[in-house]
Amino acid sequence: LGSFDTSNVTNMGWMFYNSAATSLDLSNFDTSKVTNMDEMFRESAATEINGLENFNTSKVTSMSSMFSSSKATSIDVSNFDTSKVTNMGYMFSESKATSIDVSGFNTSNVTNMIRMFYNSAATEIKGLENFNTSNVTDMFGMFDSSAAISLDLSNFNTSNVTNMKSMFSSSKATTLDLSSFDTSNVTNMHSMFYNSAATE
C-alpha cells in the first residue's frame, strides 16, 4: 500500500471492509480529494492502523460506520478535519479502541449521530465537551452499551434533536448531567435510560 498513488481518489468507502489484514500502514495515503469514507475500516481485522494521523479529511462529507466493528485497539483521529462531515452515524460503533479522542472534531455540520459510540469498547471518550451539536437531529442509541464511564455532555445543544431513543441504554457511565439538554423537539425517548449504570 505504500506505493499507492491515491492523489485522485474521491471515494474510499468500504475500502478495507471485512479485510483479514492484521496490520495496515496508510502513512503515504493522499486523501486530499476524498469525499466519502463510509465504512472504510468496518469489521477490519487490523489491530493496528498506521498513518491515520496524516489523513487529509478536509473534503470528506460522510464518515458513517468508518470504524464500526474495527479490531484496532488504537485509533488516532486527532488530526481529522471534520468540518464538512454531515454523517457520523455508527462511526465508532462496536470499535475495539480502548480510548477515543475526538477533541479536534468540528461537528458543526453533522446532522446524524445515530449509534456513534454504540457498544464501543472505549472507557474514555475525550472531547465530547467540544462537540457542536446544533444541527444534529438524530441521536438514537448514541451511547447505547458504551463502555465509557464518564461522558461530558455539558455543551450539547439538542434543540434540533427529535430522536433520543436508547441514547443511554446499557451505558456504563456512572453519572449523567443532562441539565443543558433542550428536549422541546424530541418525539421519541423510548428506552432512553434502559439498563443505564448511572446512579445520578
Protein backbone atom coordinates (compact mmCIF):
# COMPACT_ATOMS: atom_id res chain seq x y z
CA LEU A 1 0.00 0.00 0.00
CA GLY A 2 3.00 2.26 0.49
CA SER A 3 3.37 2.65 -3.29
CA PHE A 4 -0.29 3.54 -3.92
CA ASP A 5 -0.88 6.91 -5.57
CA THR A 6 -4.25 7.96 -4.15
CA SER A 7 -3.99 11.62 -5.11
CA ASN A 8 -7.04 11.44 -7.39
CA VAL A 9 -9.20 9.14 -5.28
CA THR A 10 -12.55 10.63 -4.23
CA ASN A 11 -14.22 7.53 -2.76
CA MET A 12 -12.66 5.24 -0.14
CA GLY A 13 -15.95 3.87 1.16
CA TRP A 14 -15.78 0.19 2.22
CA MET A 15 -12.10 0.07 1.17
CA PHE A 16 -10.98 -2.28 3.98
CA TYR A 17 -14.41 -3.57 4.97
CA ASN A 18 -14.08 -7.08 6.45
CA SER A 19 -10.41 -7.21 5.41
CA ALA A 20 -8.39 -10.00 7.09
CA ALA A 21 -5.17 -7.97 7.12
CA THR A 22 -3.96 -7.71 10.72
CA SER A 23 -1.97 -4.51 10.17
CA LEU A 24 -2.43 -1.53 7.82
CA ASP A 25 0.17 1.11 7.01
CA LEU A 26 -1.50 4.02 5.25
CA SER A 27 1.19 6.58 6.04
CA ASN A 28 1.61 7.54 2.37
CA PHE A 29 -2.07 7.85 1.52
CA ASP A 30 -3.05 11.16 -0.08
CA THR A 31 -6.69 11.64 0.90
CA SER A 32 -6.94 15.31 -0.07
CA LYS A 33 -9.68 14.67 -2.67
CA VAL A 34 -11.65 12.02 -0.80
CA THR A 35 -15.25 12.91 0.00
CA ASN A 36 -16.54 9.52 1.17
CA MET A 37 -15.02 7.39 3.95
CA ASP A 38 -18.18 5.45 4.83
CA GLU A 39 -17.43 2.02 6.37
CA MET A 40 -13.78 2.35 5.34
CA PHE A 41 -12.48 0.12 8.16
CA ARG A 42 -15.73 -1.59 9.11
CA GLU A 43 -15.09 -5.09 10.51
CA SER A 44 -11.42 -4.79 9.58
CA ALA A 45 -9.23 -7.34 11.41
CA ALA A 46 -6.32 -4.91 11.63
CA THR A 47 -5.33 -4.31 15.24
CA GLU A 48 -3.05 -1.51 14.02
CA ILE A 49 -3.94 1.22 11.51
CA ASN A 50 -0.88 3.39 10.98
CA GLY A 51 -0.99 6.73 9.18
CA LEU A 52 -4.41 7.98 10.21
CA GLU A 53 -2.71 11.00 11.74
CA ASN A 54 -1.65 12.03 8.20
CA PHE A 55 -5.11 11.81 6.67
CA ASN A 56 -6.39 14.98 5.00
CA THR A 57 -10.13 14.76 5.54
CA SER A 58 -10.98 18.36 4.68
CA LYS A 59 -13.32 17.32 1.84
CA VAL A 60 -14.95 14.31 3.48
CA THR A 61 -18.70 14.68 3.96
CA SER A 62 -19.55 11.25 5.36
CA MET A 63 -17.78 9.03 7.91
CA SER A 64 -20.71 6.74 8.63
CA SER A 65 -19.56 3.43 10.19
CA MET A 66 -15.94 4.34 9.37
CA PHE A 67 -14.51 2.30 12.29
CA SER A 68 -17.59 0.20 13.03
CA SER A 69 -16.53 -3.19 14.47
CA SER A 70 -12.89 -2.38 13.73
CA LYS A 71 -10.44 -4.52 15.72
CA ALA A 72 -7.91 -1.69 16.05
CA THR A 73 -7.19 -1.06 19.73
CA SER A 74 -5.93 2.45 18.99
CA ILE A 75 -7.44 4.91 16.51
CA ASP A 76 -5.68 8.26 16.00
CA VAL A 77 -8.26 10.69 14.64
CA SER A 78 -6.77 13.68 16.46
CA ASN A 79 -5.90 15.49 13.20
CA PHE A 80 -9.12 14.77 11.35
CA ASP A 81 -10.74 17.82 9.73
CA THR A 82 -14.45 17.05 10.02
CA SER A 83 -15.73 20.50 9.12
CA LYS A 84 -17.68 19.19 6.09
CA VAL A 85 -18.90 15.94 7.60
CA THR A 86 -22.68 15.63 7.92
CA ASN A 87 -22.97 11.94 8.84
CA MET A 88 -21.17 10.32 11.79
CA GLY A 89 -23.74 7.59 12.37
CA TYR A 90 -22.18 4.35 13.71
CA MET A 91 -18.70 5.88 13.29
CA PHE A 92 -17.14 4.09 16.30
CA SER A 93 -19.91 1.54 16.78
CA GLU A 94 -18.54 -1.69 18.32
CA SER A 95 -14.99 -0.43 17.81
CA LYS A 96 -12.33 -2.17 19.95
CA ALA A 97 -10.37 1.05 20.55
CA THR A 98 -9.86 1.46 24.29
CA SER A 99 -9.75 5.26 24.13
CA ILE A 100 -11.14 7.70 21.57
CA ASP A 101 -10.01 11.32 21.31
CA VAL A 102 -12.41 13.47 19.30
CA SER A 103 -11.22 16.75 20.83
CA GLY A 104 -10.40 18.23 17.43
CA PHE A 105 -13.66 17.29 15.75
CA ASN A 106 -15.66 20.07 14.14
CA THR A 107 -19.21 18.75 14.22
CA SER A 108 -20.97 21.96 13.22
CA ASN A 109 -22.42 20.41 10.06
CA VAL A 110 -23.25 16.98 11.44
CA THR A 111 -26.94 16.07 11.42
CA ASN A 112 -26.67 12.33 12.15
CA MET A 113 -25.01 10.85 15.25
CA ILE A 114 -27.05 7.63 15.32
CA ARG A 115 -25.26 4.97 17.39
CA MET A 116 -21.99 6.85 17.01
CA PHE A 117 -20.43 5.12 20.05
CA TYR A 118 -22.78 2.12 20.25
CA ASN A 119 -21.13 -0.76 22.14
CA SER A 120 -17.76 0.97 21.83
CA ALA A 121 -15.02 -0.58 23.99
CA ALA A 122 -13.56 2.85 24.80
CA THR A 123 -13.65 3.52 28.53
CA GLU A 124 -12.72 7.12 27.78
CA ILE A 125 -14.08 9.43 25.09
CA LYS A 126 -12.15 12.70 25.09
CA GLY A 127 -13.50 15.93 23.62
CA LEU A 128 -17.25 15.45 23.81
CA GLU A 129 -17.43 18.78 25.63
CA ASN A 130 -16.24 20.44 22.39
CA PHE A 131 -18.98 18.97 20.21
CA ASN A 132 -21.19 21.42 18.34
CA THR A 133 -24.44 19.50 18.02
CA SER A 134 -26.63 22.42 16.97
CA ASN A 135 -27.58 20.78 13.65
CA VAL A 136 -27.92 17.22 14.90
CA THR A 137 -31.45 15.86 14.54
CA ASP A 138 -30.91 12.20 15.45
CA MET A 139 -29.05 10.82 18.49
CA PHE A 140 -30.70 7.39 18.50
CA GLY A 141 -28.53 4.97 20.52
CA MET A 142 -25.58 7.37 20.50
CA PHE A 143 -24.06 5.91 23.70
CA ASP A 144 -26.06 2.68 23.81
CA SER A 145 -23.92 -0.01 25.53
CA SER A 146 -20.88 2.31 25.50
CA ALA A 147 -18.11 1.29 27.95
CA ALA A 148 -17.22 4.92 28.74
CA ILE A 149 -17.56 5.51 32.47
CA SER A 150 -17.73 9.29 32.11
CA LEU A 151 -19.49 11.43 29.49
CA ASP A 152 -19.16 15.23 29.41
CA LEU A 153 -22.23 16.42 27.54
CA SER A 154 -22.37 19.80 29.26
CA ASN A 155 -22.21 21.75 25.99
CA PHE A 156 -24.53 19.60 23.91
CA ASN A 157 -27.09 21.66 22.01
CA THR A 158 -30.01 19.32 21.46
CA SER A 159 -32.54 21.90 20.32
CA ASN A 160 -33.00 20.25 16.91
CA VAL A 161 -32.88 16.63 18.06
CA THR A 162 -36.10 14.68 17.50
CA ASN A 163 -34.92 11.16 18.36
CA MET A 164 -33.20 10.13 21.62
CA LYS A 165 -34.39 6.53 21.58
CA SER A 166 -31.98 4.22 23.51
CA MET A 167 -29.48 7.08 23.74
CA PHE A 168 -28.01 5.85 27.06
CA SER A 169 -29.42 2.33 27.09
CA SER A 170 -26.95 -0.02 28.87
CA SER A 171 -24.40 2.81 29.04
CA LYS A 172 -21.64 2.24 31.64
CA ALA A 173 -21.46 5.95 32.55
CA THR A 174 -21.95 6.26 36.30
CA THR A 175 -23.27 9.84 36.21
CA LEU A 176 -25.13 11.80 33.54
CA ASP A 177 -25.50 15.57 33.69
CA LEU A 178 -28.11 16.45 31.09
CA SER A 179 -29.12 19.77 32.61
CA SER A 180 -28.26 21.60 29.38
CA PHE A 181 -30.43 19.35 27.19
CA ASP A 182 -33.23 21.07 25.27
CA THR A 183 -35.72 18.31 24.54
CA SER A 184 -38.50 20.51 23.23
CA ASN A 185 -38.42 18.88 19.77
CA VAL A 186 -37.80 15.30 20.86
CA THR A 187 -40.61 12.92 19.88
CA ASN A 188 -39.00 9.59 20.82
CA MET A 189 -37.43 8.77 24.21
CA HIS A 190 -38.18 5.05 24.11
CA SER A 191 -35.68 3.08 26.28
CA MET A 192 -33.55 6.22 26.66
CA PHE A 193 -32.07 5.11 30.01
CA TYR A 194 -32.94 1.42 29.86
CA ASN A 195 -30.39 -0.55 31.92
CA SER A 196 -28.19 2.52 32.31
CA ALA A 197 -25.48 2.32 35.03
CA ALA A 198 -25.90 5.97 36.01
CA THR A 199 -26.84 6.40 39.66
CA GLU A 200 -27.50 10.10 39.18
